[in-house]
Amino acid sequence: WSGSITYYADSVKGRFTISRDNAKNTVYLQMNSLKPEDTAVY
């Protein structure tokens, strides 16, 4: 809820970053080093 704890699937660890801005009611997923196997509906 506060953004102080995050957790990732092993398949994306080190490449993806989840963050949030509670003042904007928004959560983000920064995806770097994308691979074809990342193709999906998110």
PDB file of all heavy atoms in Angstrom:
ATOM      1  N   TRP A   1       0.800  -1.227   0.000  1.00  0.00           N
ATOM      2  CA  TRP A   1       0.000   0.000   0.000  1.00  0.00           C
ATOM      3  C   TRP A   1       0.832   1.276   0.000  1.00  0.00           C
ATOM      4  O   TRP A   1       0.432   2.286  -0.598  1.00  0.00           O
ATOM      5  CB  TRP A   1      -0.950   0.003   1.200  1.00  0.00           C
ATOM      6  CG  TRP A   1      -0.238   0.115   2.522  1.00  0.00           C
ATOM      7  CD1 TRP A   1       0.304  -0.897   3.254  1.00  0.00           C
ATOM      8  CD2 TRP A   1       0.010   1.315   3.248  1.00  0.00           C
ATOM      9  NE1 TRP A   1       0.882  -0.408   4.401  1.00  0.00           N
ATOM     10  CE2 TRP A   1       0.711   0.957   4.420  1.00  0.00           C
ATOM     11  CE3 TRP A   1      -0.291   2.660   3.040  1.00  0.00           C
ATOM     12  CZ2 TRP A   1       1.121   1.886   5.372  1.00  0.00           C
ATOM     13  CZ3 TRP A   1       0.105   3.594   3.983  1.00  0.00           C
ATOM     14  CH2 TRP A   1       0.808   3.206   5.130  1.00  0.00           C
ATOM     15  N   SER A   2       1.982   1.252   0.656  1.00  0.00           N
ATOM     16  CA  SER A   2       2.803   2.447   0.783  1.00  0.00           C
ATOM     17  C   SER A   2       3.912   2.528  -0.269  1.00  0.00           C
ATOM     18  O   SER A   2       4.519   3.583  -0.432  1.00  0.00           O
ATOM     19  CB  SER A   2       3.428   2.514   2.168  1.00  0.00           C
ATOM     20  OG  SER A   2       4.402   1.495   2.330  1.00  0.00           O
ATOM     21  N   GLY A   3       4.169   1.421  -0.951  1.00  0.00           N
ATOM     22  CA  GLY A   3       5.271   1.371  -1.893  1.00  0.00           C
ATOM     23  C   GLY A   3       6.588   0.955  -1.281  1.00  0.00           C
ATOM     24  O   GLY A   3       7.613   0.925  -1.978  1.00  0.00           O
ATOM     25  N   SER A   4       6.592   0.617   0.001  1.00  0.00           N
ATOM     26  CA  SER A   4       7.822   0.261   0.686  1.00  0.00           C
ATOM     27  C   SER A   4       8.271  -1.175   0.430  1.00  0.00           C
ATOM     28  O   SER A   4       9.424  -1.508   0.704  1.00  0.00           O
ATOM     29  CB  SER A   4       7.672   0.482   2.192  1.00  0.00           C
ATOM     30  OG  SER A   4       6.670  -0.349   2.735  1.00  0.00           O
ATOM     31  N   ILE A   5       7.382  -2.013  -0.074  1.00  0.00           N
ATOM     32  CA  ILE A   5       7.697  -3.409  -0.343  1.00  0.00           C
ATOM     33  C   ILE A   5       7.277  -3.754  -1.759  1.00  0.00           C
ATOM     34  O   ILE A   5       6.154  -3.445  -2.175  1.00  0.00           O
ATOM     35  CB  ILE A   5       6.988  -4.352   0.643  1.00  0.00           C
ATOM     36  CG1 ILE A   5       7.343  -3.998   2.091  1.00  0.00           C
ATOM     37  CG2 ILE A   5       7.356  -5.805   0.352  1.00  0.00           C
ATOM     38  CD1 ILE A   5       6.526  -4.760   3.119  1.00  0.00           C
ATOM     39  N   THR A   6       8.171  -4.378  -2.496  1.00  0.00           N
ATOM     40  CA  THR A   6       7.860  -4.861  -3.839  1.00  0.00           C
ATOM     41  C   THR A   6       8.270  -6.318  -3.972  1.00  0.00           C
ATOM     42  O   THR A   6       9.116  -6.812  -3.228  1.00  0.00           O
ATOM     43  CB  THR A   6       8.568  -4.034  -4.920  1.00  0.00           C
ATOM     44  OG1 THR A   6       9.983  -4.091  -4.708  1.00  0.00           O
ATOM     45  CG2 THR A   6       8.108  -2.584  -4.881  1.00  0.00           C
ATOM     46  N   TYR A   7       7.672  -6.983  -4.942  1.00  0.00           N
ATOM     47  CA  TYR A   7       7.984  -8.381  -5.192  1.00  0.00           C
ATOM     48  C   TYR A   7       7.803  -8.657  -6.669  1.00  0.00           C
ATOM     49  O   TYR A   7       6.869  -8.147  -7.297  1.00  0.00           O
ATOM     50  CB  TYR A   7       7.082  -9.295  -4.359  1.00  0.00           C
ATOM     51  CG  TYR A   7       7.476 -10.744  -4.409  1.00  0.00           C
ATOM     52  CD1 TYR A   7       8.574 -11.203  -3.685  1.00  0.00           C
ATOM     53  CD2 TYR A   7       6.767 -11.657  -5.182  1.00  0.00           C
ATOM     54  CE1 TYR A   7       8.947 -12.529  -3.731  1.00  0.00           C
ATOM     55  CE2 TYR A   7       7.133 -12.989  -5.227  1.00  0.00           C
ATOM     56  CZ  TYR A   7       8.233 -13.421  -4.494  1.00  0.00           C
ATOM     57  OH  TYR A   7       8.599 -14.740  -4.534  1.00  0.00           O
ATOM     58  N   TYR A   8       8.688  -9.491  -7.228  1.00  0.00           N
ATOM     59  CA  TYR A   8       8.688  -9.756  -8.655  1.00  0.00           C
ATOM     60  C   TYR A   8       8.750 -11.245  -8.956  1.00  0.00           C
ATOM     61  O   TYR A   8       9.371 -12.018  -8.226  1.00  0.00           O
ATOM     62  CB  TYR A   8       9.891  -9.099  -9.323  1.00  0.00           C
ATOM     63  CG  TYR A   8       9.932  -7.607  -9.162  1.00  0.00           C
ATOM     64  CD1 TYR A   8      10.596  -7.017  -8.093  1.00  0.00           C
ATOM     65  CD2 TYR A   8       9.297  -6.779 -10.082  1.00  0.00           C
ATOM     66  CE1 TYR A   8      10.626  -5.647  -7.941  1.00  0.00           C
ATOM     67  CE2 TYR A   8       9.325  -5.406  -9.940  1.00  0.00           C
ATOM     68  CZ  TYR A   8       9.992  -4.843  -8.867  1.00  0.00           C
ATOM     69  OH  TYR A   8      10.013  -3.481  -8.728  1.00  0.00           O
ATOM     70  N   ALA A   9       8.122 -11.615 -10.057  1.00  0.00           N
ATOM     71  CA  ALA A   9       8.324 -12.952 -10.578  1.00  0.00           C
ATOM     72  C   ALA A   9       9.775 -13.106 -11.019  1.00  0.00           C
ATOM     73  O   ALA A   9      10.403 -12.146 -11.480  1.00  0.00           O
ATOM     74  CB  ALA A   9       7.386 -13.213 -11.756  1.00  0.00           C
ATOM     75  N   ASP A  10      10.314 -14.309 -10.882  1.00  0.00           N
ATOM     76  CA  ASP A  10      11.698 -14.544 -11.267  1.00  0.00           C
ATOM     77  C   ASP A  10      11.953 -14.195 -12.733  1.00  0.00           C
ATOM     78  O   ASP A  10      13.047 -13.747 -13.090  1.00  0.00           O
ATOM     79  CB  ASP A  10      12.076 -16.002 -11.019  1.00  0.00           C
ATOM     80  CG  ASP A  10      12.233 -16.330  -9.547  1.00  0.00           C
ATOM     81  OD1 ASP A  10      12.383 -15.399  -8.730  1.00  0.00           O
ATOM     82  OD2 ASP A  10      12.209 -17.524  -9.210  1.00  0.00           O
ATOM     83  N   SER A  11      10.961 -14.374 -13.569  1.00  0.00           N
ATOM     84  CA  SER A  11      11.119 -14.152 -14.993  1.00  0.00           C
ATOM     85  C   SER A  11      11.349 -12.686 -15.359  1.00  0.00           C
ATOM     86  O   SER A  11      11.860 -12.398 -16.446  1.00  0.00           O
ATOM     87  CB  SER A  11       9.904 -14.680 -15.756  1.00  0.00           C
ATOM     88  OG  SER A  11       8.719 -14.038 -15.325  1.00  0.00           O
ATOM     89  N   VAL A  12      10.980 -11.771 -14.468  1.00  0.00           N
ATOM     90  CA  VAL A  12      11.123 -10.347 -14.766  1.00  0.00           C
ATOM     91  C   VAL A  12      12.048  -9.631 -13.802  1.00  0.00           C
ATOM     92  O   VAL A  12      12.354  -8.448 -14.009  1.00  0.00           O
ATOM     93  CB  VAL A  12       9.758  -9.637 -14.789  1.00  0.00           C
ATOM     94  CG1 VAL A  12       8.799 -10.342 -15.742  1.00  0.00           C
ATOM     95  CG2 VAL A  12       9.150  -9.548 -13.393  1.00  0.00           C
ATOM     96  N   LYS A  13      12.503 -10.304 -12.778  1.00  0.00           N
ATOM     97  CA  LYS A  13      13.353  -9.682 -11.761  1.00  0.00           C
ATOM     98  C   LYS A  13      14.614  -9.114 -12.396  1.00  0.00           C
ATOM     99  O   LYS A  13      15.288  -9.781 -13.181  1.00  0.00           O
ATOM    100  CB  LYS A  13      13.701 -10.708 -10.686  1.00  0.00           C
ATOM    101  CG  LYS A  13      14.312 -10.116  -9.428  1.00  0.00           C
ATOM    102  CD  LYS A  13      14.481 -11.182  -8.350  1.00  0.00           C
ATOM    103  CE  LYS A  13      13.142 -11.758  -7.923  1.00  0.00           C
ATOM    104  NZ  LYS A  13      13.294 -12.763  -6.838  1.00  0.00           N
ATOM    105  N   GLY A  14      14.919  -7.880 -12.058  1.00  0.00           N
ATOM    106  CA  GLY A  14      16.071  -7.210 -12.616  1.00  0.00           C
ATOM    107  C   GLY A  14      15.788  -6.461 -13.894  1.00  0.00           C
ATOM    108  O   GLY A  14      16.616  -5.655 -14.331  1.00  0.00           O
ATOM    109  N   ARG A  15      14.645  -6.709 -14.511  1.00  0.00           N
ATOM    110  CA  ARG A  15      14.263  -6.038 -15.750  1.00  0.00           C
ATOM    111  C   ARG A  15      13.065  -5.107 -15.572  1.00  0.00           C
ATOM    112  O   ARG A  15      12.991  -4.065 -16.214  1.00  0.00           O
ATOM    113  CB  ARG A  15      13.928  -7.064 -16.837  1.00  0.00           C
ATOM    114  CG  ARG A  15      15.094  -7.982 -17.191  1.00  0.00           C
ATOM    115  CD  ARG A  15      14.770  -8.835 -18.410  1.00  0.00           C
ATOM    116  NE  ARG A  15      13.638  -9.723 -18.166  1.00  0.00           N
ATOM    117  CZ  ARG A  15      12.517  -9.735 -18.876  1.00  0.00           C
ATOM    118  NH1 ARG A  15      12.369  -8.884 -19.893  1.00  0.00           N
ATOM    119  NH2 ARG A  15      11.542 -10.589 -18.594  1.00  0.00           N
ATOM    120  N   PHE A  16      12.129  -5.503 -14.716  1.00  0.00           N
ATOM    121  CA  PHE A  16      10.912  -4.732 -14.505  1.00  0.00           C
ATOM    122  C   PHE A  16      10.953  -4.062 -13.135  1.00  0.00           C
ATOM    123  O   PHE A  16      11.524  -4.597 -12.181  1.00  0.00           O
ATOM    124  CB  PHE A  16       9.672  -5.626 -14.552  1.00  0.00           C
ATOM    125  CG  PHE A  16       9.336  -6.193 -15.904  1.00  0.00           C
ATOM    126  CD1 PHE A  16      10.197  -6.095 -16.978  1.00  0.00           C
ATOM    127  CD2 PHE A  16       8.120  -6.835 -16.084  1.00  0.00           C
ATOM    128  CE1 PHE A  16       9.878  -6.624 -18.215  1.00  0.00           C
ATOM    129  CE2 PHE A  16       7.784  -7.373 -17.316  1.00  0.00           C
ATOM    130  CZ  PHE A  16       8.664  -7.271 -18.380  1.00  0.00           C
ATOM    131  N   THR A  17      10.317  -2.908 -13.038  1.00  0.00           N
ATOM    132  CA  THR A  17      10.205  -2.196 -11.777  1.00  0.00           C
ATOM    133  C   THR A  17       8.777  -1.715 -11.591  1.00  0.00           C
ATOM    134  O   THR A  17       8.235  -1.028 -12.459  1.00  0.00           O
ATOM    135  CB  THR A  17      11.155  -0.995 -11.714  1.00  0.00           C
ATOM    136  OG1 THR A  17      12.505  -1.423 -11.911  1.00  0.00           O
ATOM    137  CG2 THR A  17      11.052  -0.308 -10.359  1.00  0.00           C
ATOM    138  N   ILE A  18       8.177  -2.079 -10.467  1.00  0.00           N
ATOM    139  CA  ILE A  18       6.850  -1.587 -10.129  1.00  0.00           C
ATOM    140  C   ILE A  18       6.996  -0.414  -9.168  1.00  0.00           C
ATOM    141  O   ILE A  18       7.856  -0.421  -8.284  1.00  0.00           O
ATOM    142  CB  ILE A  18       5.971  -2.706  -9.527  1.00  0.00           C
ATOM    143  CG1 ILE A  18       4.527  -2.225  -9.345  1.00  0.00           C
ATOM    144  CG2 ILE A  18       6.542  -3.224  -8.214  1.00  0.00           C
ATOM    145  CD1 ILE A  18       3.558  -3.343  -8.965  1.00  0.00           C
ATOM    146  N   SER A  19       6.180   0.596  -9.355  1.00  0.00           N
ATOM    147  CA  SER A  19       6.198   1.754  -8.474  1.00  0.00           C
ATOM    148  C   SER A  19       4.797   2.340  -8.401  1.00  0.00           C
ATOM    149  O   SER A  19       3.914   1.959  -9.173  1.00  0.00           O
ATOM    150  CB  SER A  19       7.203   2.805  -8.963  1.00  0.00           C
ATOM    151  OG  SER A  19       6.854   3.280 -10.249  1.00  0.00           O
ATOM    152  N   ARG A  20       4.596   3.254  -7.473  1.00  0.00           N
ATOM    153  CA  ARG A  20       3.283   3.878  -7.357  1.00  0.00           C
ATOM    154  C   ARG A  20       3.405   5.316  -6.918  1.00  0.00           C
ATOM    155  O   ARG A  20       4.368   5.718  -6.256  1.00  0.00           O
ATOM    156  CB  ARG A  20       2.389   3.093  -6.383  1.00  0.00           C
ATOM    157  CG  ARG A  20       2.825   3.154  -4.928  1.00  0.00           C
ATOM    158  CD  ARG A  20       2.069   2.128  -4.085  1.00  0.00           C
ATOM    159  NE  ARG A  20       0.637   2.382  -4.085  1.00  0.00           N
ATOM    160  CZ  ARG A  20      -0.290   1.484  -3.766  1.00  0.00           C
ATOM    161  NH1 ARG A  20       0.071   0.246  -3.444  1.00  0.00           N
ATOM    162  NH2 ARG A  20      -1.578   1.809  -3.783  1.00  0.00           N
ATOM    163  N   ASP A  21       2.414   6.094  -7.299  1.00  0.00           N
ATOM    164  CA  ASP A  21       2.293   7.475  -6.878  1.00  0.00           C
ATOM    165  C   ASP A  21       0.890   7.611  -6.316  1.00  0.00           C
ATOM    166  O   ASP A  21      -0.074   7.771  -7.062  1.00  0.00           O
ATOM    167  CB  ASP A  21       2.526   8.424  -8.044  1.00  0.00           C
ATOM    168  CG  ASP A  21       2.538   9.879  -7.625  1.00  0.00           C
ATOM    169  OD1 ASP A  21       1.999  10.209  -6.554  1.00  0.00           O
ATOM    170  OD2 ASP A  21       3.085  10.702  -8.373  1.00  0.00           O
ATOM    171  N   ASN A  22       0.777   7.513  -5.004  1.00  0.00           N
ATOM    172  CA  ASN A  22      -0.541   7.523  -4.382  1.00  0.00           C
ATOM    173  C   ASN A  22      -1.258   8.860  -4.557  1.00  0.00           C
ATOM    174  O   ASN A  22      -2.486   8.902  -4.599  1.00  0.00           O
ATOM    175  CB  ASN A  22      -0.424   7.172  -2.900  1.00  0.00           C
ATOM    176  CG  ASN A  22      -0.122   5.704  -2.679  1.00  0.00           C
ATOM    177  OD1 ASN A  22      -0.279   4.884  -3.580  1.00  0.00           O
ATOM    178  ND2 ASN A  22       0.316   5.367  -1.478  1.00  0.00           N
ATOM    179  N   ALA A  23      -0.502   9.937  -4.647  1.00  0.00           N
ATOM    180  CA  ALA A  23      -1.114  11.242  -4.867  1.00  0.00           C
ATOM    181  C   ALA A  23      -1.808  11.315  -6.219  1.00  0.00           C
ATOM    182  O   ALA A  23      -2.754  12.087  -6.389  1.00  0.00           O
ATOM    183  CB  ALA A  23      -0.071  12.346  -4.747  1.00  0.00           C
ATOM    184  N   LYS A  24      -1.335  10.523  -7.181  1.00  0.00           N
ATOM    185  CA  LYS A  24      -1.927  10.491  -8.517  1.00  0.00           C
ATOM    186  C   LYS A  24      -2.813   9.273  -8.750  1.00  0.00           C
ATOM    187  O   LYS A  24      -3.310   9.081  -9.860  1.00  0.00           O
ATOM    188  CB  LYS A  24      -0.833  10.525  -9.576  1.00  0.00           C
ATOM    189  CG  LYS A  24      -0.014  11.802  -9.582  1.00  0.00           C
ATOM    190  CD  LYS A  24       1.033  11.771 -10.684  1.00  0.00           C
ATOM    191  CE  LYS A  24       1.817  13.069 -10.722  1.00  0.00           C
ATOM    192  NZ  LYS A  24       2.844  13.054 -11.784  1.00  0.00           N
ATOM    193  N   ASN A  25      -2.991   8.455  -7.729  1.00  0.00           N
ATOM    194  CA  ASN A  25      -3.788   7.227  -7.858  1.00  0.00           C
ATOM    195  C   ASN A  25      -3.312   6.369  -9.027  1.00  0.00           C
ATOM    196  O   ASN A  25      -4.114   5.830  -9.796  1.00  0.00           O
ATOM    197  CB  ASN A  25      -5.265   7.565  -8.029  1.00  0.00           C
ATOM    198  CG  ASN A  25      -5.951   7.919  -6.727  1.00  0.00           C
ATOM    199  OD1 ASN A  25      -5.318   8.076  -5.686  1.00  0.00           O
ATOM    200  ND2 ASN A  25      -7.268   8.052  -6.776  1.00  0.00           N
ATOM    201  N   THR A  26      -2.004   6.224  -9.144  1.00  0.00           N
ATOM    202  CA  THR A  26      -1.435   5.536 -10.293  1.00  0.00           C
ATOM    203  C   THR A  26      -0.325   4.578  -9.872  1.00  0.00           C
ATOM    204  O   THR A  26       0.488   4.902  -9.007  1.00  0.00           O
ATOM    205  CB  THR A  26      -0.877   6.544 -11.313  1.00  0.00           C
ATOM    206  OG1 THR A  26      -1.932   7.430 -11.724  1.00  0.00           O
ATOM    207  CG2 THR A  26      -0.336   5.837 -12.542  1.00  0.00           C
ATOM    208  N   VAL A  27      -0.312   3.413 -10.500  1.00  0.00           N
ATOM    209  CA  VAL A  27       0.775   2.461 -10.339  1.00  0.00           C
ATOM    210  C   VAL A  27       1.428   2.265 -11.700  1.00  0.00           C
ATOM    211  O   VAL A  27       0.753   2.322 -12.738  1.00  0.00           O
ATOM    212  CB  VAL A  27       0.277   1.125  -9.739  1.00  0.00           C
ATOM    213  CG1 VAL A  27      -0.707   0.429 -10.667  1.00  0.00           C
ATOM    214  CG2 VAL A  27       1.448   0.216  -9.395  1.00  0.00           C
ATOM    215  N   TYR A  28       2.734   2.038 -11.702  1.00  0.00           N
ATOM    216  CA  TYR A  28       3.495   1.929 -12.930  1.00  0.00           C
ATOM    217  C   TYR A  28       4.226   0.592 -12.999  1.00  0.00           C
ATOM    218  O   TYR A  28       4.545  -0.013 -11.984  1.00  0.00           O
ATOM    219  CB  TYR A  28       4.534   3.042 -13.025  1.00  0.00           C
ATOM    220  CG  TYR A  28       3.962   4.424 -12.910  1.00  0.00           C
ATOM    221  CD1 TYR A  28       3.941   5.083 -11.683  1.00  0.00           C
ATOM    222  CD2 TYR A  28       3.440   5.074 -14.023  1.00  0.00           C
ATOM    223  CE1 TYR A  28       3.414   6.358 -11.573  1.00  0.00           C
ATOM    224  CE2 TYR A  28       2.916   6.347 -13.920  1.00  0.00           C
ATOM    225  CZ  TYR A  28       2.904   6.985 -12.694  1.00  0.00           C
ATOM    226  OH  TYR A  28       2.380   8.248 -12.593  1.00  0.00           O
ATOM    227  N   LEU A  29       4.504   0.179 -14.211  1.00  0.00           N
ATOM    228  CA  LEU A  29       5.388  -0.954 -14.438  1.00  0.00           C
ATOM    229  C   LEU A  29       6.384  -0.551 -15.515  1.00  0.00           C
ATOM    230  O   LEU A  29       6.031  -0.448 -16.691  1.00  0.00           O
ATOM    231  CB  LEU A  29       4.615  -2.202 -14.866  1.00  0.00           C
ATOM    232  CG  LEU A  29       5.459  -3.468 -15.008  1.00  0.00           C
ATOM    233  CD1 LEU A  29       5.965  -3.934 -13.641  1.00  0.00           C
ATOM    234  CD2 LEU A  29       4.670  -4.581 -15.689  1.00  0.00           C
ATOM    235  N   GLN A  30       7.602  -0.291 -15.096  1.00  0.00           N
ATOM    236  CA  GLN A  30       8.676   0.011 -16.031  1.00  0.00           C
ATOM    237  C   GLN A  30       9.283  -1.296 -16.504  1.00  0.00           C
ATOM    238  O   GLN A  30       9.756  -2.090 -15.689  1.00  0.00           O
ATOM    239  CB  GLN A  30       9.740   0.875 -15.360  1.00  0.00           C
ATOM    240  CG  GLN A  30      10.929   1.199 -16.250  1.00  0.00           C
ATOM    241  CD  GLN A  30      10.562   2.087 -17.418  1.00  0.00           C
ATOM    242  OE1 GLN A  30       9.862   3.078 -17.236  1.00  0.00           O
ATOM    243  NE2 GLN A  30      11.018   1.728 -18.604  1.00  0.00           N
ATOM    244  N   MET A  31       9.277  -1.528 -17.795  1.00  0.00           N
ATOM    245  CA  MET A  31       9.744  -2.776 -18.369  1.00  0.00           C
ATOM    246  C   MET A  31      10.945  -2.487 -19.262  1.00  0.00           C
ATOM    247  O   MET A  31      10.821  -1.802 -20.279  1.00  0.00           O
ATOM    248  CB  MET A  31       8.640  -3.459 -19.171  1.00  0.00           C
ATOM    249  CG  MET A  31       7.361  -3.699 -18.371  1.00  0.00           C
ATOM    250  SD  MET A  31       6.111  -4.628 -19.303  1.00  0.00           S
ATOM    251  CE  MET A  31       5.746  -3.429 -20.591  1.00  0.00           C
ATOM    252  N   ASN A  32      12.091  -3.011 -18.871  1.00  0.00           N
ATOM    253  CA  ASN A  32      13.320  -2.844 -19.629  1.00  0.00           C
ATOM    254  C   ASN A  32      13.802  -4.190 -20.149  1.00  0.00           C
ATOM    255  O   ASN A  32      13.391  -5.242 -19.669  1.00  0.00           O
ATOM    256  CB  ASN A  32      14.407  -2.208 -18.760  1.00  0.00           C
ATOM    257  CG  ASN A  32      14.048  -0.834 -18.270  1.00  0.00           C
ATOM    258  OD1 ASN A  32      13.371  -0.069 -18.959  1.00  0.00           O
ATOM    259  ND2 ASN A  32      14.523  -0.494 -17.069  1.00  0.00           N
ATOM    260  N   SER A  33      14.702  -4.137 -21.111  1.00  0.00           N
ATOM    261  CA  SER A  33      15.286  -5.360 -21.683  1.00  0.00           C
ATOM    262  C   SER A  33      14.211  -6.363 -22.064  1.00  0.00           C
ATOM    263  O   SER A  33      14.295  -7.549 -21.742  1.00  0.00           O
ATOM    264  CB  SER A  33      16.281  -5.978 -20.695  1.00  0.00           C
ATOM    265  OG  SER A  33      17.313  -5.076 -20.375  1.00  0.00           O
ATOM    266  N   LEU A  34      13.209  -5.896 -22.762  1.00  0.00           N
ATOM    267  CA  LEU A  34      12.065  -6.738 -23.090  1.00  0.00           C
ATOM    268  C   LEU A  34      12.452  -7.874 -24.023  1.00  0.00           C
ATOM    269  O   LEU A  34      13.312  -7.726 -24.897  1.00  0.00           O
ATOM    270  CB  LEU A  34      10.959  -5.899 -23.714  1.00  0.00           C
ATOM    271  CG  LEU A  34      10.160  -5.082 -22.702  1.00  0.00           C
ATOM    272  CD1 LEU A  34       9.396  -3.967 -23.398  1.00  0.00           C
ATOM    273  CD2 LEU A  34       9.197  -5.987 -21.940  1.00  0.00           C
ATOM    274  N   LYS A  35      11.795  -8.998 -23.813  1.00  0.00           N
ATOM    275  CA  LYS A  35      12.013 -10.209 -24.591  1.00  0.00           C
ATOM    276  C   LYS A  35      10.719 -10.619 -25.274  1.00  0.00           C
ATOM    277  O   LYS A  35       9.634 -10.280 -24.796  1.00  0.00           O
ATOM    278  CB  LYS A  35      12.480 -11.348 -23.675  1.00  0.00           C
ATOM    279  CG  LYS A  35      13.712 -11.027 -22.850  1.00  0.00           C
ATOM    280  CD  LYS A  35      14.009 -12.154 -21.870  1.00  0.00           C
ATOM    281  CE  LYS A  35      15.225 -11.844 -21.037  1.00  0.00           C
ATOM    282  NZ  LYS A  35      15.510 -12.931 -20.061  1.00  0.00           N
ATOM    283  N   PRO A  36      10.794 -11.367 -26.371  1.00  0.00           N
ATOM    284  CA  PRO A  36       9.563 -11.832 -27.018  1.00  0.00           C
ATOM    285  C   PRO A  36       8.628 -12.576 -26.080  1.00  0.00           C
ATOM    286  O   PRO A  36       7.408 -12.474 -26.222  1.00  0.00           O
ATOM    287  CB  PRO A  36      10.075 -12.738 -28.141  1.00  0.00           C
ATOM    288  CG  PRO A  36      11.408 -12.166 -28.480  1.00  0.00           C
ATOM    289  CD  PRO A  36      11.987 -11.710 -27.170  1.00  0.00           C
ATOM    290  N   GLU A  37       9.173 -13.306 -25.121  1.00  0.00           N
ATOM    291  CA  GLU A  37       8.339 -14.042 -24.183  1.00  0.00           C
ATOM    292  C   GLU A  37       7.587 -13.145 -23.196  1.00  0.00           C
ATOM    293  O   GLU A  37       6.742 -13.623 -22.451  1.00  0.00           O
ATOM    294  CB  GLU A  37       9.162 -15.088 -23.410  1.00  0.00           C
ATOM    295  CG  GLU A  37      10.428 -14.543 -22.795  1.00  0.00           C
ATOM    296  CD  GLU A  37      11.661 -14.806 -23.643  1.00  0.00           C
ATOM    297  OE1 GLU A  37      11.611 -14.564 -24.872  1.00  0.00           O
ATOM    298  OE2 GLU A  37      12.685 -15.254 -23.091  1.00  0.00           O
ATOM    299  N   ASP A  38       7.885 -11.850 -23.200  1.00  0.00           N
ATOM    300  CA  ASP A  38       7.116 -10.898 -22.409  1.00  0.00           C
ATOM    301  C   ASP A  38       5.819 -10.495 -23.094  1.00  0.00           C
ATOM    302  O   ASP A  38       4.999  -9.792 -22.496  1.00  0.00           O
ATOM    303  CB  ASP A  38       7.941  -9.643 -22.121  1.00  0.00           C
ATOM    304  CG  ASP A  38       9.152  -9.914 -21.255  1.00  0.00           C
ATOM    305  OD1 ASP A  38       9.036 -10.688 -20.277  1.00  0.00           O
ATOM    306  OD2 ASP A  38      10.221  -9.337 -21.539  1.00  0.00           O
ATOM    307  N   THR A  39       5.637 -10.900 -24.336  1.00  0.00           N
ATOM    308  CA  THR A  39       4.431 -10.555 -25.079  1.00  0.00           C
ATOM    309  C   THR A  39       3.197 -11.120 -24.386  1.00  0.00           C
ATOM    310  O   THR A  39       3.114 -12.321 -24.131  1.00  0.00           O
ATOM    311  CB  THR A  39       4.517 -11.085 -26.512  1.00  0.00           C
ATOM    312  OG1 THR A  39       5.583 -10.420 -27.201  1.00  0.00           O
ATOM    313  CG2 THR A  39       3.217 -10.847 -27.265  1.00  0.00           C
ATOM    314  N   ALA A  40       2.251 -10.252 -24.080  1.00  0.00           N
ATOM    315  CA  ALA A  40       1.042 -10.650 -23.368  1.00  0.00           C
ATOM    316  C   ALA A  40       0.152  -9.433 -23.190  1.00  0.00           C
ATOM    317  O   ALA A  40       0.561  -8.299 -23.456  1.00  0.00           O
ATOM    318  CB  ALA A  40       1.382 -11.234 -21.992  1.00  0.00           C
ATOM    319  N   VAL A  41      -1.064  -9.688 -22.737  1.00  0.00           N
ATOM    320  CA  VAL A  41      -1.905  -8.615 -22.228  1.00  0.00           C
ATOM    321  C   VAL A  41      -1.557  -8.431 -20.761  1.00  0.00           C
ATOM    322  O   VAL A  41      -1.558  -9.397 -19.988  1.00  0.00           O
ATOM    323  CB  VAL A  41      -3.400  -8.930 -22.389  1.00  0.00           C
ATOM    324  CG1 VAL A  41      -4.250  -7.826 -21.763  1.00  0.00           C
ATOM    325  CG2 VAL A  41      -3.748  -9.083 -23.867  1.00  0.00           C
ATOM    326  N   TYR A  42      -1.262  -7.216 -20.382  1.00  0.00           N
ATOM    327  CA  TYR A  42      -0.873  -6.911 -19.015  1.00  0.00           C
ATOM    328  C   TYR A  42      -2.043  -6.288 -18.270  1.00  0.00           C
ATOM    329  O   TYR A  42      -2.674  -5.350 -18.755  1.00  0.00           O
ATOM    330  CB  TYR A  42       0.329  -5.968 -18.995  1.00  0.00           C
ATOM    331  CG  TYR A  42       1.625  -6.680 -19.292  1.00  0.00           C
ATOM    332  CD1 TYR A  42       1.897  -7.151 -20.571  1.00  0.00           C
ATOM    333  CD2 TYR A  42       2.562  -6.905 -18.283  1.00  0.00           C
ATOM    334  CE1 TYR A  42       3.072  -7.834 -20.847  1.00  0.00           C
ATOM    335  CE2 TYR A  42       3.744  -7.579 -18.553  1.00  0.00           C
ATOM    336  CZ  TYR A  42       3.992  -8.039 -19.834  1.00  0.00           C
ATOM    337  OH  TYR A  42       5.160  -8.716 -20.103  1.00  0.00           O
TER     338      TYR A  42
END
